[in-house]
Amino acid sequence: MAGTQVNPTRMELTRLKKKLVTATKGHKLLKDKRDELMRQFLEKVRENKALREKVEAGIEAANKNFLLARAGMQNEVLNTAMLAPKQKVSLESGVENVMSVEIPKFTFQTRSPDENDMFSYGFAFTSSDLDDAIKSLADIFPDMLKLAECEKSCQLMAAEIEKTRRRVNALEHVMIPDLQANIKYITMKLDENERSTQIRLMKVKDMMLAEAHGYETI
């Protein structure tokens, strides 16, 4: 029994009551944090699903265009056209704090905002399908970056939700019940001691009265 391991004093009772108040407040705060994290996590999951479908559709369209381009062009011409990329992308990563979870934030910049700079070849000897394939990949790149950010955020938030859930359960099913049991135990012990003290005082009073008036106590 948890109560037998504590010192049944009023000082210990006061300390445990303060600890119980703190644990109860912490339990409520952690439950609120868990619920809010779960809400934002579900929003991220829905966003992740939509982004994945969009990215997969874009990659599938780009692959089809590449297949058409390969079918309509000689391998040497295609390899030469793709040999030296013209456009350059700079990627920066940061973090955003969401309910004490640091989720990644990605931003990128291209060397030139001109869309035609992505084509590193002339148009005389290449197929329009190759242009469509490269344009499809360029268009889907921001969504691919957002998808990577979203998936990592979901992983981090899921881990934090699980950690918070364990803390809530530990407080709800272990710490708070133990504190309540200890407080009850100490209260019972103090009440018992107080009753014993009152009985002893009454006994002493009876003895003093008996001695003063010369009668025997029962």
Protein backbone atom coordinates (compact mmCIF):
# COMPACT_ATOMS: atom_id res chain seq x y z
CA MET A 1 0.00 0.00 0.00
CA ALA A 2 1.36 3.42 -1.02
CA GLY A 3 0.17 5.13 2.15
CA THR A 4 2.36 3.00 4.45
CA GLN A 5 5.48 4.44 2.81
CA VAL A 6 4.86 8.04 3.88
CA ASN A 7 5.38 9.83 7.15
CA PRO A 8 1.92 10.62 8.59
CA THR A 9 2.56 14.19 9.69
CA ARG A 10 0.71 17.43 9.00
CA MET A 11 3.72 18.82 7.18
CA GLU A 12 3.76 15.81 4.85
CA LEU A 13 0.00 16.15 4.37
CA THR A 14 0.38 19.79 3.33
CA ARG A 15 3.21 18.91 0.95
CA LEU A 16 1.21 16.11 -0.68
CA LYS A 17 -1.87 18.31 -1.07
CA LYS A 18 0.20 20.96 -2.88
CA LYS A 19 1.74 18.24 -5.03
CA LEU A 20 -1.74 16.92 -5.87
CA VAL A 21 -2.90 20.38 -6.93
CA THR A 22 0.15 20.74 -9.19
CA ALA A 23 -0.32 17.25 -10.64
CA THR A 24 -4.00 17.93 -11.33
CA LYS A 25 -3.21 21.20 -13.11
CA GLY A 26 -0.43 19.50 -15.07
CA HIS A 27 -2.79 16.69 -16.03
CA LYS A 28 -5.31 19.17 -17.43
CA LEU A 29 -2.66 21.11 -19.34
CA LEU A 30 -1.23 17.93 -20.84
CA LYS A 31 -4.70 16.73 -21.84
CA ASP A 32 -5.37 20.07 -23.54
CA LYS A 33 -2.00 19.86 -25.28
CA ARG A 34 -2.69 16.30 -26.41
CA ASP A 35 -6.13 17.23 -27.78
CA GLU A 36 -4.80 20.27 -29.65
CA LEU A 37 -1.87 18.29 -31.04
CA MET A 38 -4.28 15.60 -32.20
CA ARG A 39 -6.45 18.20 -33.94
CA GLN A 40 -3.51 19.74 -35.77
CA PHE A 41 -2.10 16.29 -36.53
CA LEU A 42 -5.34 15.24 -38.24
CA GLU A 43 -5.28 18.44 -40.29
CA LYS A 44 -1.70 17.66 -41.33
CA VAL A 45 -2.68 14.09 -42.24
CA ARG A 46 -5.46 15.34 -44.50
CA GLU A 47 -3.11 17.88 -46.07
CA ASN A 48 -0.48 15.17 -46.52
CA LYS A 49 -2.98 12.89 -48.27
CA ALA A 50 -4.04 15.61 -50.71
CA LEU A 51 -0.43 16.60 -51.43
CA ARG A 52 0.66 13.00 -52.00
CA GLU A 53 -2.15 12.42 -54.50
CA LYS A 54 -1.26 15.64 -56.32
CA VAL A 55 2.47 14.89 -56.38
CA GLU A 56 1.98 11.30 -57.54
CA ALA A 57 -0.33 12.49 -60.33
CA GLY A 58 2.24 15.11 -61.39
CA ILE A 59 5.12 12.61 -61.38
CA GLU A 60 3.01 10.14 -63.35
CA ALA A 61 2.25 12.81 -65.98
CA ALA A 62 5.93 13.78 -66.16
CA ASN A 63 6.97 10.11 -66.61
CA LYS A 64 4.46 9.71 -69.44
CA ASN A 65 5.85 12.78 -71.17
CA PHE A 66 9.42 11.49 -70.73
CA LEU A 67 8.39 8.17 -72.28
CA LEU A 68 6.84 9.99 -75.23
CA ALA A 69 9.95 12.16 -75.58
CA ARG A 70 12.22 9.11 -75.49
CA ALA A 71 10.07 7.44 -78.14
CA GLY A 72 10.24 10.46 -80.46
CA MET A 73 13.92 11.37 -79.96
CA GLN A 74 17.22 9.64 -80.38
CA ASN A 75 18.94 8.63 -77.15
CA GLU A 76 22.01 10.72 -77.97
CA VAL A 77 19.93 13.84 -78.52
CA LEU A 78 17.94 13.27 -75.32
CA ASN A 79 21.06 12.63 -73.25
CA THR A 80 22.75 15.72 -74.66
CA ALA A 81 19.69 17.87 -73.95
CA MET A 82 19.61 16.72 -70.31
CA LEU A 83 23.37 16.82 -69.78
CA ALA A 84 23.80 20.32 -68.32
CA PRO A 85 20.95 21.75 -66.21
CA LYS A 86 20.51 25.49 -66.64
CA GLN A 87 18.31 26.39 -63.69
CA LYS A 88 19.59 26.34 -60.11
CA VAL A 89 17.56 25.93 -56.92
CA SER A 90 18.62 27.11 -53.45
CA LEU A 91 16.89 25.39 -50.55
CA GLU A 92 16.65 26.78 -47.03
CA SER A 93 15.29 24.93 -44.03
CA GLY A 94 13.90 26.36 -40.80
CA VAL A 95 11.65 25.25 -37.95
CA GLU A 96 8.26 26.29 -36.64
CA ASN A 97 7.19 25.63 -33.05
CA VAL A 98 3.76 24.02 -32.83
CA MET A 99 2.75 23.07 -29.27
CA SER A 100 6.44 22.58 -28.32
CA VAL A 101 7.05 20.48 -31.46
CA GLU A 102 9.62 21.91 -33.86
CA ILE A 103 8.35 21.06 -37.32
CA PRO A 104 10.43 21.79 -40.45
CA LYS A 105 9.75 24.63 -42.85
CA PHE A 106 11.33 24.60 -46.31
CA THR A 107 11.73 27.55 -48.66
CA PHE A 108 13.46 27.65 -52.02
CA GLN A 109 14.58 30.15 -54.60
CA THR A 110 15.51 29.64 -58.23
CA ARG A 111 18.49 31.33 -59.82
CA SER A 112 16.18 33.07 -62.23
CA PRO A 113 12.40 33.58 -62.05
CA ASP A 114 12.14 33.19 -65.81
CA GLU A 115 10.42 29.86 -66.56
CA ASN A 116 12.30 29.49 -69.86
CA ASP A 117 15.58 29.24 -67.94
CA MET A 118 14.71 25.69 -66.94
CA PHE A 119 15.28 24.48 -70.51
CA SER A 120 18.98 23.90 -71.04
CA TYR A 121 18.62 22.97 -74.72
CA GLY A 122 17.42 24.45 -77.97
CA PHE A 123 14.00 23.62 -79.28
CA ALA A 124 15.04 22.76 -82.82
CA PHE A 125 16.00 19.12 -82.25
CA THR A 126 13.92 18.22 -79.18
CA SER A 127 10.35 17.07 -78.74
CA SER A 128 7.62 19.13 -77.15
CA ASP A 129 6.95 16.13 -74.91
CA LEU A 130 10.35 16.73 -73.29
CA ASP A 131 9.35 20.34 -72.64
CA ASP A 132 6.09 19.15 -71.07
CA ALA A 133 7.93 16.63 -68.89
CA ILE A 134 10.40 19.20 -67.56
CA LYS A 135 7.61 21.74 -67.06
CA SER A 136 5.55 19.13 -65.16
CA LEU A 137 8.45 18.39 -62.80
CA ALA A 138 9.11 22.10 -62.28
CA ASP A 139 5.46 22.72 -61.47
CA ILE A 140 5.25 19.83 -59.04
CA PHE A 141 8.52 20.64 -57.23
CA PRO A 142 6.96 23.11 -54.70
CA ASP A 143 4.32 20.50 -53.83
CA MET A 144 7.02 17.83 -53.45
CA LEU A 145 8.84 20.11 -51.02
CA LYS A 146 5.62 20.80 -49.13
CA LEU A 147 4.89 17.07 -49.01
CA ALA A 148 8.31 16.34 -47.47
CA GLU A 149 7.70 19.08 -44.90
CA CYS A 150 4.21 17.78 -44.14
CA GLU A 151 5.25 14.13 -43.78
CA LYS A 152 8.09 14.99 -41.41
CA SER A 153 5.74 17.19 -39.40
CA CYS A 154 3.28 14.30 -39.09
CA GLN A 155 6.05 12.00 -37.83
CA LEU A 156 7.24 14.50 -35.21
CA MET A 157 3.72 15.36 -34.06
CA ALA A 158 2.77 11.67 -33.80
CA ALA A 159 5.82 11.04 -31.60
CA GLU A 160 4.93 14.02 -29.38
CA ILE A 161 1.30 12.89 -29.13
CA GLU A 162 2.42 9.45 -27.97
CA LYS A 163 4.81 10.97 -25.42
CA THR A 164 2.11 13.31 -24.12
CA ARG A 165 -0.41 10.46 -23.97
CA ARG A 166 1.95 8.43 -21.79
CA ARG A 167 2.47 11.36 -19.43
CA VAL A 168 -1.28 11.93 -19.17
CA ASN A 169 -1.85 8.25 -18.40
CA ALA A 170 0.96 8.21 -15.83
CA LEU A 171 -0.55 11.20 -14.04
CA GLU A 172 -4.13 9.96 -14.33
CA HIS A 173 -3.63 6.31 -13.40
CA VAL A 174 -0.49 6.32 -11.23
CA MET A 175 0.64 9.60 -9.72
CA ILE A 176 -2.70 11.25 -8.86
CA PRO A 177 -4.27 8.06 -7.39
CA ASP A 178 -1.11 7.46 -5.32
CA LEU A 179 -1.19 11.02 -4.01
CA GLN A 180 -4.89 10.71 -3.16
CA ALA A 181 -4.27 7.40 -1.40
CA ASN A 182 -1.37 8.86 0.59
CA ILE A 183 -3.42 11.92 1.57
CA LYS A 184 -6.28 9.69 2.69
CA TYR A 185 -3.88 7.48 4.65
CA ILE A 186 -2.25 10.43 6.43
CA THR A 187 -5.63 12.03 7.15
CA MET A 188 -6.89 8.79 8.70
CA LYS A 189 -3.70 8.44 10.77
CA LEU A 190 -3.91 12.03 11.99
CA ASP A 191 -7.58 11.62 12.89
CA GLU A 192 -6.76 8.40 14.71
CA ASN A 193 -3.93 10.06 16.61
CA GLU A 194 -6.19 12.99 17.49
CA ARG A 195 -8.86 10.64 18.85
CA SER A 196 -6.23 8.78 20.87
CA THR A 197 -4.93 12.04 22.25
CA GLN A 198 -8.43 13.13 23.23
CA ILE A 199 -9.07 9.81 24.96
CA ARG A 200 -5.78 10.12 26.87
CA LEU A 201 -6.63 13.69 27.90
CA MET A 202 -10.05 12.63 29.08
CA LYS A 203 -8.47 9.79 31.04
CA VAL A 204 -5.97 12.16 32.64
CA LYS A 205 -8.79 14.56 33.47
CA ASP A 206 -10.80 11.80 35.13
CA MET A 207 -7.75 10.74 37.14
CA MET A 208 -7.13 14.31 38.26
CA LEU A 209 -10.77 14.73 39.26
CA ALA A 210 -10.72 11.42 41.11
CA GLU A 211 -7.62 12.45 42.99
CA ALA A 212 -9.03 15.86 43.81
CA HIS A 213 -12.46 14.64 45.01
CA GLY A 214 -11.48 11.26 46.33
CA TYR A 215 -13.65 9.03 44.13
CA GLU A 216 -12.64 6.17 41.94
CA THR A 217 -12.77 6.36 38.12
CA ILE A 218 -14.51 3.66 36.16
